Amino acid sequence: MNAKKKTKILNLRIDPDLKKAAKRLAEADDRSLSNWVTRLIQREVEKAEKRKS
C-alpha cells in the first residue's frame, strides 16, 4: 500500500485478551497494532484475489 494514500478509520470491537495478544505480536514485529492489522488484512485480500484468478 502506498503510505501517501489517504486512510480511513475502521472501528471494530475485539475481545480484550485477543487485543492484548495482537498488540504483543505487533510490538514484536516493531509495528503499531493498526499497521499490523492492516498488513494482515492486506495479505488475506491478496490471497483471496489470487484464488479468484
C-alpha atoms as a PDB file:
ATOM      1  CA  MET A   1       0.000   0.000   0.000  1.00  0.00           C
ATOM      2  CA  ASN A   2       1.148   3.483  -0.747  1.00  0.00           C
ATOM      3  CA  ALA A   3       1.766   5.349   2.505  1.00  0.00           C
ATOM      4  CA  LYS A   4       0.766   8.644   0.851  1.00  0.00           C
ATOM      5  CA  LYS A   5      -2.796   7.464   0.206  1.00  0.00           C
ATOM      6  CA  LYS A   6      -5.461   8.810   2.488  1.00  0.00           C
ATOM      7  CA  THR A   7      -6.557   6.255   5.020  1.00  0.00           C
ATOM      8  CA  LYS A   8      -9.959   5.555   6.525  1.00  0.00           C
ATOM      9  CA  ILE A   9     -10.795   4.687  10.098  1.00  0.00           C
ATOM     10  CA  LEU A  10     -12.207   1.238  10.805  1.00  0.00           C
ATOM     11  CA  ASN A  11     -13.850   0.895  14.185  1.00  0.00           C
ATOM     12  CA  LEU A  12     -14.302  -2.636  15.431  1.00  0.00           C
ATOM     13  CA  ARG A  13     -14.954  -4.491  18.642  1.00  0.00           C
ATOM     14  CA  ILE A  14     -12.461  -7.084  19.783  1.00  0.00           C
ATOM     15  CA  ASP A  15     -12.065  -9.260  22.846  1.00  0.00           C
ATOM     16  CA  PRO A  16      -9.640  -7.547  25.253  1.00  0.00           C
ATOM     17  CA  ASP A  17      -7.437 -10.645  25.584  1.00  0.00           C
ATOM     18  CA  LEU A  18      -7.228 -11.003  21.811  1.00  0.00           C
ATOM     19  CA  LYS A  19      -6.266  -7.333  21.518  1.00  0.00           C
ATOM     20  CA  LYS A  20      -3.505  -7.755  24.107  1.00  0.00           C
ATOM     21  CA  ALA A  21      -2.135 -10.788  22.265  1.00  0.00           C
ATOM     22  CA  ALA A  22      -2.268  -8.977  18.914  1.00  0.00           C
ATOM     23  CA  LYS A  23      -0.574  -5.925  20.401  1.00  0.00           C
ATOM     24  CA  ARG A  24       2.277  -8.087  21.740  1.00  0.00           C
ATOM     25  CA  LEU A  25       2.748  -9.645  18.299  1.00  0.00           C
ATOM     26  CA  ALA A  26       2.676  -6.230  16.635  1.00  0.00           C
ATOM     27  CA  GLU A  27       5.272  -4.883  19.052  1.00  0.00           C
ATOM     28  CA  ALA A  28       7.471  -7.936  18.482  1.00  0.00           C
ATOM     29  CA  ASP A  29       7.265  -7.135  14.756  1.00  0.00           C
ATOM     30  CA  ASP A  30       8.156  -3.486  15.538  1.00  0.00           C
ATOM     31  CA  ARG A  31       4.786  -2.274  14.236  1.00  0.00           C
ATOM     32  CA  SER A  32       1.821  -0.416  15.589  1.00  0.00           C
ATOM     33  CA  LEU A  33      -1.266  -2.516  16.169  1.00  0.00           C
ATOM     34  CA  SER A  34      -3.029  -0.589  13.413  1.00  0.00           C
ATOM     35  CA  ASN A  35      -0.243  -1.263  10.913  1.00  0.00           C
ATOM     36  CA  TRP A  36      -0.016  -4.911  11.940  1.00  0.00           C
ATOM     37  CA  VAL A  37      -3.770  -5.453  11.459  1.00  0.00           C
ATOM     38  CA  THR A  38      -3.705  -3.588   8.146  1.00  0.00           C
ATOM     39  CA  ARG A  39      -0.942  -5.883   6.889  1.00  0.00           C
ATOM     40  CA  LEU A  40      -2.918  -8.957   7.951  1.00  0.00           C
ATOM     41  CA  ILE A  41      -5.976  -7.741   6.067  1.00  0.00           C
ATOM     42  CA  GLN A  42      -3.860  -6.859   3.038  1.00  0.00           C
ATOM     43  CA  ARG A  43      -2.344 -10.365   2.974  1.00  0.00           C
ATOM     44  CA  GLU A  44      -5.760 -12.017   3.167  1.00  0.00           C
ATOM     45  CA  VAL A  45      -7.157  -9.815   0.393  1.00  0.00           C
ATOM     46  CA  GLU A  46      -4.177 -10.673  -1.825  1.00  0.00           C
ATOM     47  CA  LYS A  47      -4.645 -14.404  -1.130  1.00  0.00           C
ATOM     48  CA  ALA A  48      -8.347 -14.174  -1.983  1.00  0.00           C
ATOM     49  CA  GLU A  49      -7.588 -12.315  -5.201  1.00  0.00           C
ATOM     50  CA  LYS A  50      -5.060 -14.962  -6.233  1.00  0.00           C
ATOM     51  CA  ARG A  51      -7.624 -17.708  -5.649  1.00  0.00           C
ATOM     52  CA  LYS A  52     -10.058 -15.887  -7.938  1.00  0.00           C
ATOM     53  CA  SER A  53      -7.637 -15.748 -10.865  1.00  0.00           C
END
